[in-house]
């Protein structure tokens, strides 16, 4: 009978320790150093993403300018029309 009582006493302790672990959030479990490194990495990724987007926008603007610069006379007439002779 003594063995049965010991098993009963151990089980509640196990459950209460499991509840304590579940009560902690992920940030509580991680050390502050690891959390700081994760935040810094996230900041770097966001910055890199913004730089890529700016670079893409600049490339599109450059291509548009080059396309406008290299238009033929026919394309310019089609785009702006021919107003006839002003003289």
PDB file of N, CA and C in Angstrom:
ATOM      1  N   UNK A   1       0.806  -1.187   0.000  1.00  0.00           N
ATOM      2  CA  UNK A   1       0.000   0.000   0.000  1.00  0.00           C
ATOM      3  C   UNK A   1       0.856   1.260   0.000  1.00  0.00           C
ATOM      4  N   UNK A   2       1.986   1.181   0.561  1.00  0.00           N
ATOM      5  CA  UNK A   2       2.875   2.342   0.629  1.00  0.00           C
ATOM      6  C   UNK A   2       3.294   2.763  -0.780  1.00  0.00           C
ATOM      7  N   UNK A   3       3.485   1.784  -1.655  1.00  0.00           N
ATOM      8  CA  UNK A   3       3.889   2.105  -3.024  1.00  0.00           C
ATOM      9  C   UNK A   3       2.782   2.854  -3.756  1.00  0.00           C
ATOM     10  N   UNK A   4       1.550   2.489  -3.531  1.00  0.00           N
ATOM     11  CA  UNK A   4       0.427   3.148  -4.182  1.00  0.00           C
ATOM     12  C   UNK A   4       0.337   4.607  -3.741  1.00  0.00           C
ATOM     13  N   UNK A   5       0.578   4.865  -2.458  1.00  0.00           N
ATOM     14  CA  UNK A   5       0.509   6.227  -1.960  1.00  0.00           C
ATOM     15  C   UNK A   5       1.618   7.079  -2.575  1.00  0.00           C
ATOM     16  N   UNK A   6       2.790   6.501  -2.748  1.00  0.00           N
ATOM     17  CA  UNK A   6       3.895   7.251  -3.343  1.00  0.00           C
ATOM     18  C   UNK A   6       3.594   7.617  -4.787  1.00  0.00           C
ATOM     19  N   UNK A   7       2.996   6.708  -5.527  1.00  0.00           N
ATOM     20  CA  UNK A   7       2.650   6.992  -6.913  1.00  0.00           C
ATOM     21  C   UNK A   7       1.623   8.106  -6.987  1.00  0.00           C
ATOM     22  N   UNK A   8       0.661   8.100  -6.088  1.00  0.00           N
ATOM     23  CA  UNK A   8      -0.355   9.147  -6.077  1.00  0.00           C
ATOM     24  C   UNK A   8       0.256  10.501  -5.746  1.00  0.00           C
ATOM     25  N   UNK A   9       1.215  10.535  -4.871  1.00  0.00           N
ATOM     26  CA  UNK A   9       1.836  11.790  -4.502  1.00  0.00           C
ATOM     27  C   UNK A   9       2.693  12.340  -5.647  1.00  0.00           C
ATOM     28  N   UNK A  10       3.320  11.471  -6.417  1.00  0.00           N
ATOM     29  CA  UNK A  10       4.185  11.914  -7.492  1.00  0.00           C
ATOM     30  C   UNK A  10       3.379  12.467  -8.663  1.00  0.00           C
ATOM     31  N   UNK A  11       2.235  11.904  -8.934  1.00  0.00           N
ATOM     32  CA  UNK A  11       1.448  12.341 -10.069  1.00  0.00           C
ATOM     33  C   UNK A  11       0.993  13.791  -9.947  1.00  0.00           C
ATOM     34  N   UNK A  12       0.447  14.226  -8.826  1.00  0.00           N
ATOM     35  CA  UNK A  12       0.049  15.630  -8.743  1.00  0.00           C
ATOM     36  C   UNK A  12       1.227  16.579  -8.902  1.00  0.00           C
ATOM     37  N   UNK A  13       2.386  16.220  -8.391  1.00  0.00           N
ATOM     38  CA  UNK A  13       3.557  17.071  -8.554  1.00  0.00           C
ATOM     39  C   UNK A  13       3.936  17.201 -10.033  1.00  0.00           C
ATOM     40  N   UNK A  14       3.824  16.112 -10.757  1.00  0.00           N
ATOM     41  CA  UNK A  14       4.134  16.135 -12.180  1.00  0.00           C
ATOM     42  C   UNK A  14       3.158  17.050 -12.918  1.00  0.00           C
ATOM     43  N   UNK A  15       1.900  16.942 -12.567  1.00  0.00           N
ATOM     44  CA  UNK A  15       0.898  17.769 -13.238  1.00  0.00           C
ATOM     45  C   UNK A  15       1.095  19.244 -12.910  1.00  0.00           C
ATOM     46  N   UNK A  16       1.415  19.564 -11.678  1.00  0.00           N
ATOM     47  CA  UNK A  16       1.594  20.962 -11.314  1.00  0.00           C
ATOM     48  C   UNK A  16       2.828  21.550 -12.003  1.00  0.00           C
ATOM     49  N   UNK A  17       3.891  20.764 -12.188  1.00  0.00           N
ATOM     50  CA  UNK A  17       5.070  21.268 -12.888  1.00  0.00           C
ATOM     51  C   UNK A  17       4.762  21.454 -14.371  1.00  0.00           C
ATOM     52  N   UNK A  18       3.905  20.601 -14.930  1.00  0.00           N
ATOM     53  CA  UNK A  18       3.520  20.736 -16.327  1.00  0.00           C
ATOM     54  C   UNK A  18       2.696  22.005 -16.530  1.00  0.00           C
ATOM     55  N   UNK A  19       1.873  22.338 -15.576  1.00  0.00           N
ATOM     56  CA  UNK A  19       1.063  23.553 -15.666  1.00  0.00           C
ATOM     57  C   UNK A  19       1.975  24.777 -15.629  1.00  0.00           C
ATOM     58  N   UNK A  20       3.001  24.750 -14.806  1.00  0.00           N
ATOM     59  CA  UNK A  20       3.932  25.877 -14.735  1.00  0.00           C
ATOM     60  C   UNK A  20       4.641  26.071 -16.073  1.00  0.00           C
ATOM     61  N   UNK A  21       5.045  24.990 -16.706  1.00  0.00           N
ATOM     62  CA  UNK A  21       5.724  25.101 -17.996  1.00  0.00           C
ATOM     63  C   UNK A  21       4.781  25.651 -19.054  1.00  0.00           C
ATOM     64  N   UNK A  22       3.530  25.215 -19.037  1.00  0.00           N
ATOM     65  CA  UNK A  22       2.565  25.701 -20.015  1.00  0.00           C
ATOM     66  C   UNK A  22       2.235  27.164 -19.768  1.00  0.00           C
ATOM     67  N   UNK A  23       2.319  27.606 -18.539  1.00  0.00           N
ATOM     68  CA  UNK A  23       2.002  28.985 -18.216  1.00  0.00           C
ATOM     69  C   UNK A  23       3.045  29.963 -18.732  1.00  0.00           C
ATOM     70  N   UNK A  24       4.255  29.509 -18.928  1.00  0.00           N
ATOM     71  CA  UNK A  24       5.309  30.385 -19.433  1.00  0.00           C
ATOM     72  C   UNK A  24       5.130  30.593 -20.931  1.00  0.00           C
ATOM     73  N   UNK A  25       5.378  31.807 -21.355  1.00  0.00           N
ATOM     74  CA  UNK A  25       5.312  32.073 -22.785  1.00  0.00           C
ATOM     75  C   UNK A  25       6.666  31.762 -23.408  1.00  0.00           C
ATOM     76  N   UNK A  26       6.701  31.780 -24.713  1.00  0.00           N
ATOM     77  CA  UNK A  26       7.933  31.467 -25.426  1.00  0.00           C
ATOM     78  C   UNK A  26       9.015  32.486 -25.090  1.00  0.00           C
ATOM     79  N   UNK A  27       8.638  33.739 -24.981  1.00  0.00           N
ATOM     80  CA  UNK A  27       9.637  34.761 -24.666  1.00  0.00           C
ATOM     81  C   UNK A  27      10.189  34.595 -23.263  1.00  0.00           C
ATOM     82  N   UNK A  28       9.400  34.041 -22.336  1.00  0.00           N
ATOM     83  CA  UNK A  28       9.902  33.782 -20.995  1.00  0.00           C
ATOM     84  C   UNK A  28      10.921  32.648 -21.010  1.00  0.00           C
ATOM     85  N   UNK A  29      10.723  31.690 -21.873  1.00  0.00           N
ATOM     86  CA  UNK A  29      11.602  30.533 -21.919  1.00  0.00           C
ATOM     87  C   UNK A  29      12.926  30.855 -22.615  1.00  0.00           C
ATOM     88  N   UNK A  30      12.897  31.762 -23.589  1.00  0.00           N
ATOM     89  CA  UNK A  30      14.121  32.113 -24.302  1.00  0.00           C
ATOM     90  C   UNK A  30      14.915  33.132 -23.489  1.00  0.00           C
ATOM     91  N   UNK A  31      16.181  33.059 -23.608  1.00  0.00           N
ATOM     92  CA  UNK A  31      16.995  34.046 -22.911  1.00  0.00           C
ATOM     93  C   UNK A  31      16.888  35.377 -23.644  1.00  0.00           C
ATOM     94  N   UNK A  32      17.217  36.432 -22.977  1.00  0.00           N
ATOM     95  CA  UNK A  32      17.111  37.757 -23.561  1.00  0.00           C
ATOM     96  C   UNK A  32      18.068  37.926 -24.740  1.00  0.00           C
ATOM     97  N   UNK A  33      19.219  37.263 -24.685  1.00  0.00           N
ATOM     98  CA  UNK A  33      20.177  37.358 -25.786  1.00  0.00           C
ATOM     99  C   UNK A  33      19.594  36.783 -27.071  1.00  0.00           C
ATOM    100  N   UNK A  34      18.991  35.640 -26.953  1.00  0.00           N
ATOM    101  CA  UNK A  34      18.409  34.984 -28.129  1.00  0.00           C
ATOM    102  C   UNK A  34      17.277  35.837 -28.685  1.00  0.00           C
ATOM    103  N   UNK A  35      16.473  36.395 -27.815  1.00  0.00           N
ATOM    104  CA  UNK A  35      15.359  37.242 -28.250  1.00  0.00           C
ATOM    105  C   UNK A  35      15.885  38.490 -28.952  1.00  0.00           C
ATOM    106  N   UNK A  36      16.938  39.086 -28.423  1.00  0.00           N
ATOM    107  CA  UNK A  36      17.531  40.268 -29.050  1.00  0.00           C
ATOM    108  C   UNK A  36      18.095  39.921 -30.427  1.00  0.00           C
ATOM    109  N   UNK A  37      18.737  38.760 -30.553  1.00  0.00           N
ATOM    110  CA  UNK A  37      19.280  38.335 -31.842  1.00  0.00           C
ATOM    111  C   UNK A  37      18.169  38.113 -32.861  1.00  0.00           C
ATOM    112  N   UNK A  38      17.066  37.532 -32.417  1.00  0.00           N
ATOM    113  CA  UNK A  38      15.941  37.318 -33.324  1.00  0.00           C
ATOM    114  C   UNK A  38      15.353  38.643 -33.802  1.00  0.00           C
ATOM    115  N   UNK A  39      15.225  39.592 -32.900  1.00  0.00           N
ATOM    116  CA  UNK A  39      14.687  40.907 -33.276  1.00  0.00           C
ATOM    117  C   UNK A  39      15.627  41.612 -34.247  1.00  0.00           C
ATOM    118  N   UNK A  40      16.923  41.526 -34.014  1.00  0.00           N
ATOM    119  CA  UNK A  40      17.902  42.150 -34.902  1.00  0.00           C
ATOM    120  C   UNK A  40      17.859  41.497 -36.281  1.00  0.00           C
ATOM    121  N   UNK A  41      17.735  40.180 -36.326  1.00  0.00           N
ATOM    122  CA  UNK A  41      17.646  39.477 -37.600  1.00  0.00           C
ATOM    123  C   UNK A  41      16.387  39.884 -38.357  1.00  0.00           C
ATOM    124  N   UNK A  42      15.281  40.026 -37.645  1.00  0.00           N
ATOM    125  CA  UNK A  42      14.028  40.453 -38.277  1.00  0.00           C
ATOM    126  C   UNK A  42      14.188  41.850 -38.855  1.00  0.00           C
ATOM    127  N   UNK A  43      14.838  42.738 -38.103  1.00  0.00           N
ATOM    128  CA  UNK A  43      15.047  44.103 -38.572  1.00  0.00           C
ATOM    129  C   UNK A  43      15.908  44.105 -39.834  1.00  0.00           C
ATOM    130  N   UNK A  44      16.936  43.269 -39.862  1.00  0.00           N
ATOM    131  CA  UNK A  44      17.801  43.187 -41.030  1.00  0.00           C
ATOM    132  C   UNK A  44      17.047  42.658 -42.244  1.00  0.00           C
ATOM    133  N   UNK A  45      16.193  41.665 -42.034  1.00  0.00           N
ATOM    134  CA  UNK A  45      15.411  41.111 -43.144  1.00  0.00           C
ATOM    135  C   UNK A  45      14.439  42.146 -43.705  1.00  0.00           C
ATOM    136  N   UNK A  46      13.814  42.909 -42.830  1.00  0.00           N
ATOM    137  CA  UNK A  46      12.876  43.946 -43.276  1.00  0.00           C
ATOM    138  C   UNK A  46      13.626  45.012 -44.071  1.00  0.00           C
ATOM    139  N   UNK A  47      14.796  45.409 -43.583  1.00  0.00           N
ATOM    140  CA  UNK A  47      15.607  46.406 -44.281  1.00  0.00           C
ATOM    141  C   UNK A  47      16.037  45.892 -45.649  1.00  0.00           C
ATOM    142  N   UNK A  48      16.467  44.652 -45.714  1.00  0.00           N
ATOM    143  CA  UNK A  48      16.879  44.063 -46.991  1.00  0.00           C
ATOM    144  C   UNK A  48      15.705  44.003 -47.968  1.00  0.00           C
ATOM    145  N   UNK A  49      14.538  43.683 -47.470  1.00  0.00           N
ATOM    146  CA  UNK A  49      13.336  43.621 -48.312  1.00  0.00           C
ATOM    147  C   UNK A  49      13.005  45.006 -48.880  1.00  0.00           C
ATOM    148  N   UNK A  50      13.117  46.034 -48.038  1.00  0.00           N
ATOM    149  CA  UNK A  50      12.838  47.401 -48.494  1.00  0.00           C
ATOM    150  C   UNK A  50      13.856  47.839 -49.540  1.00  0.00           C
ATOM    151  N   UNK A  51      15.115  47.500 -49.348  1.00  0.00           N
ATOM    152  CA  UNK A  51      16.150  47.851 -50.320  1.00  0.00           C
ATOM    153  C   UNK A  51      15.901  47.168 -51.657  1.00  0.00           C
ATOM    154  N   UNK A  52      15.492  45.910 -51.622  1.00  0.00           N
ATOM    155  CA  UNK A  52      15.188  45.196 -52.866  1.00  0.00           C
ATOM    156  C   UNK A  52      14.029  45.853 -53.595  1.00  0.00           C
ATOM    157  N   UNK A  53      13.009  46.275 -52.858  1.00  0.00           N
ATOM    158  CA  UNK A  53      11.841  46.917 -53.474  1.00  0.00           C
ATOM    159  C   UNK A  53      12.231  48.257 -54.088  1.00  0.00           C
ATOM    160  N   UNK A  54      13.051  49.039 -53.394  1.00  0.00           N
ATOM    161  CA  UNK A  54      13.513  50.317 -53.935  1.00  0.00           C
ATOM    162  C   UNK A  54      14.344  50.108 -55.193  1.00  0.00           C
ATOM    163  N   UNK A  55      15.181  49.093 -55.174  1.00  0.00           N
ATOM    164  CA  UNK A  55      16.004  48.781 -56.334  1.00  0.00           C
ATOM    165  C   UNK A  55      15.140  48.366 -57.519  1.00  0.00           C
ATOM    166  N   UNK A  56      14.114  47.599 -57.251  1.00  0.00           N
ATOM    167  CA  UNK A  56      13.197  47.166 -58.316  1.00  0.00           C
ATOM    168  C   UNK A  56      12.467  48.368 -58.919  1.00  0.00           C
ATOM    169  N   UNK A  57      12.008  49.292 -58.059  1.00  0.00           N
ATOM    170  CA  UNK A  57      11.319  50.489 -58.537  1.00  0.00           C
ATOM    171  C   UNK A  57      12.255  51.357 -59.391  1.00  0.00           C
ATOM    172  N   UNK A  58      13.509  51.487 -58.955  1.00  0.00           N
ATOM    173  CA  UNK A  58      14.476  52.272 -59.718  1.00  0.00           C
ATOM    174  C   UNK A  58      14.746  51.632 -61.075  1.00  0.00           C
ATOM    175  N   UNK A  59      14.832  50.322 -61.106  1.00  0.00           N
ATOM    176  CA  UNK A  59      15.062  49.612 -62.362  1.00  0.00           C
ATOM    177  C   UNK A  59      13.882  49.804 -63.314  1.00  0.00           C
ATOM    178  N   UNK A  60      12.670  49.741 -62.790  1.00  0.00           N
ATOM    179  CA  UNK A  60      11.486  49.956 -63.633  1.00  0.00           C
ATOM    180  C   UNK A  60      11.460  51.375 -64.197  1.00  0.00           C
ATOM    181  N   UNK A  61      11.809  52.357 -63.367  1.00  0.00           N
ATOM    182  CA  UNK A  61      11.836  53.742 -63.829  1.00  0.00           C
ATOM    183  C   UNK A  61      12.898  53.923 -64.919  1.00  0.00           C
ATOM    184  N   UNK A  62      14.047  53.318 -64.736  1.00  0.00           N
ATOM    185  CA  UNK A  62      15.116  53.410 -65.727  1.00  0.00           C
ATOM    186  C   UNK A  62      14.683  52.783 -67.045  1.00  0.00           C
ATOM    187  N   UNK A  63      14.070  51.603 -66.977  1.00  0.00           N
ATOM    188  CA  UNK A  63      13.613  50.926 -68.195  1.00  0.00           C
ATOM    189  C   UNK A  63      12.552  51.750 -68.915  1.00  0.00           C
ATOM    190  N   UNK A  64      11.669  52.379 -68.164  1.00  0.00           N
ATOM    191  CA  UNK A  64      10.620  53.212 -68.768  1.00  0.00           C
ATOM    192  C   UNK A  64      11.249  54.409 -69.473  1.00  0.00           C
ATOM    193  N   UNK A  65      12.243  55.013 -68.840  1.00  0.00           N
ATOM    194  CA  UNK A  65      12.929  56.156 -69.431  1.00  0.00           C
ATOM    195  C   UNK A  65      13.656  55.743 -70.709  1.00  0.00           C
ATOM    196  N   UNK A  66      14.306  54.593 -70.689  1.00  0.00           N
ATOM    197  CA  UNK A  66      15.019  54.101 -71.862  1.00  0.00           C
ATOM    198  C   UNK A  66      14.055  53.789 -73.000  1.00  0.00           C
ATOM    199  N   UNK A  67      12.899  53.226 -72.650  1.00  0.00           N
ATOM    200  CA  UNK A  67      11.904  52.902 -73.671  1.00  0.00           C
ATOM    201  C   UNK A  67      11.377  54.177 -74.321  1.00  0.00           C
ATOM    202  N   UNK A  68      11.125  55.194 -73.501  1.00  0.00           N
ATOM    203  CA  UNK A  68      10.640  56.476 -74.018  1.00  0.00           C
ATOM    204  C   UNK A  68      11.707  57.124 -74.912  1.00  0.00           C
ATOM    205  N   UNK A  69      12.940  57.007 -74.518  1.00  0.00           N
ATOM    206  CA  UNK A  69      14.046  57.598 -75.257  1.00  0.00           C
ATOM    207  C   UNK A  69      14.228  56.936 -76.618  1.00  0.00           C
ATOM    208  N   UNK A  70      13.972  55.640 -76.715  1.00  0.00           N
ATOM    209  CA  UNK A  70      14.230  54.869 -77.933  1.00  0.00           C
ATOM    210  C   UNK A  70      12.995  54.678 -78.813  1.00  0.00           C
ATOM    211  N   UNK A  71      11.954  55.471 -78.585  1.00  0.00           N
ATOM    212  CA  UNK A  71      10.762  55.336 -79.427  1.00  0.00           C
ATOM    213  C   UNK A  71      11.043  55.827 -80.841  1.00  0.00           C
ATOM    214  N   UNK A  72      10.384  55.181 -81.781  1.00  0.00           N
ATOM    215  CA  UNK A  72      10.518  55.593 -83.173  1.00  0.00           C
ATOM    216  C   UNK A  72       9.565  56.752 -83.442  1.00  0.00           C
ATOM    217  N   UNK A  73       9.764  57.372 -84.595  1.00  0.00           N
ATOM    218  CA  UNK A  73       8.905  58.493 -84.976  1.00  0.00           C
ATOM    219  C   UNK A  73       7.450  58.045 -85.086  1.00  0.00           C
ATOM    220  N   UNK A  74       7.243  56.854 -85.610  1.00  0.00           N
ATOM    221  CA  UNK A  74       5.889  56.323 -85.759  1.00  0.00           C
ATOM    222  C   UNK A  74       5.213  56.141 -84.398  1.00  0.00           C
ATOM    223  N   UNK A  75       5.958  55.604 -83.444  1.00  0.00           N
ATOM    224  CA  UNK A  75       5.407  55.418 -82.097  1.00  0.00           C
ATOM    225  C   UNK A  75       5.059  56.753 -81.446  1.00  0.00           C
ATOM    226  N   UNK A  76       5.910  57.749 -81.665  1.00  0.00           N
ATOM    227  CA  UNK A  76       5.625  59.076 -81.111  1.00  0.00           C
ATOM    228  C   UNK A  76       4.374  59.683 -81.737  1.00  0.00           C
ATOM    229  N   UNK A  77       4.212  59.519 -83.052  1.00  0.00           N
ATOM    230  CA  UNK A  77       3.002  60.023 -83.715  1.00  0.00           C
ATOM    231  C   UNK A  77       1.753  59.321 -83.205  1.00  0.00           C
ATOM    232  N   UNK A  78       1.852  58.007 -83.017  1.00  0.00           N
ATOM    233  CA  UNK A  78       0.703  57.253 -82.503  1.00  0.00           C
ATOM    234  C   UNK A  78       0.345  57.699 -81.087  1.00  0.00           C
ATOM    235  N   UNK A  79       1.347  57.967 -80.301  1.00  0.00           N
ATOM    236  CA  UNK A  79       1.101  58.322 -78.910  1.00  0.00           C
ATOM    237  C   UNK A  79       0.557  59.745 -78.762  1.00  0.00           C
ATOM    238  N   UNK A  80       1.174  60.697 -79.456  1.00  0.00           N
ATOM    239  CA  UNK A  80       0.800  62.099 -79.272  1.00  0.00           C
ATOM    240  C   UNK A  80      -0.116  62.627 -80.368  1.00  0.00           C
ATOM    241  N   UNK A  81      -0.244  61.887 -81.450  1.00  0.00           N
ATOM    242  CA  UNK A  81      -1.128  62.293 -82.534  1.00  0.00           C
ATOM    243  C   UNK A  81      -0.473  63.336 -83.444  1.00  0.00           C
ATOM    244  N   UNK A  82      -1.117  63.526 -84.558  1.00  0.00           N
ATOM    245  CA  UNK A  82      -0.617  64.508 -85.523  1.00  0.00           C
ATOM    246  C   UNK A  82      -1.671  65.588 -85.603  1.00  0.00           C
ATOM    247  N   UNK A  83      -1.301  66.775 -85.183  1.00  0.00           N
ATOM    248  CA  UNK A  83      -2.258  67.883 -85.137  1.00  0.00           C
ATOM    249  C   UNK A  83      -2.390  68.625 -86.445  1.00  0.00           C
ATOM    250  N   UNK A  84      -1.708  68.199 -87.456  1.00  0.00           N
ATOM    251  CA  UNK A  84      -1.761  68.895 -88.742  1.00  0.00           C
ATOM    252  C   UNK A  84      -0.745  70.014 -88.788  1.00  0.00           C
ATOM    253  N   UNK A  85      -0.826  70.769 -89.823  1.00  0.00           N
ATOM    254  CA  UNK A  85       0.138  71.836 -90.000  1.00  0.00           C
ATOM    255  C   UNK A  85      -0.337  73.088 -89.271  1.00  0.00           C
ATOM    256  N   UNK A  86       0.564  73.696 -88.542  1.00  0.00           N
ATOM    257  CA  UNK A  86       0.208  74.922 -87.849  1.00  0.00           C
ATOM    258  C   UNK A  86       0.571  76.137 -88.687  1.00  0.00           C
ATOM    259  N   UNK A  87       1.226  75.942 -89.806  1.00  0.00           N
ATOM    260  CA  UNK A  87       1.668  77.055 -90.625  1.00  0.00           C
ATOM    261  C   UNK A  87       0.723  77.339 -91.728  1.00  0.00           C
TER     262      UNK A  87
END
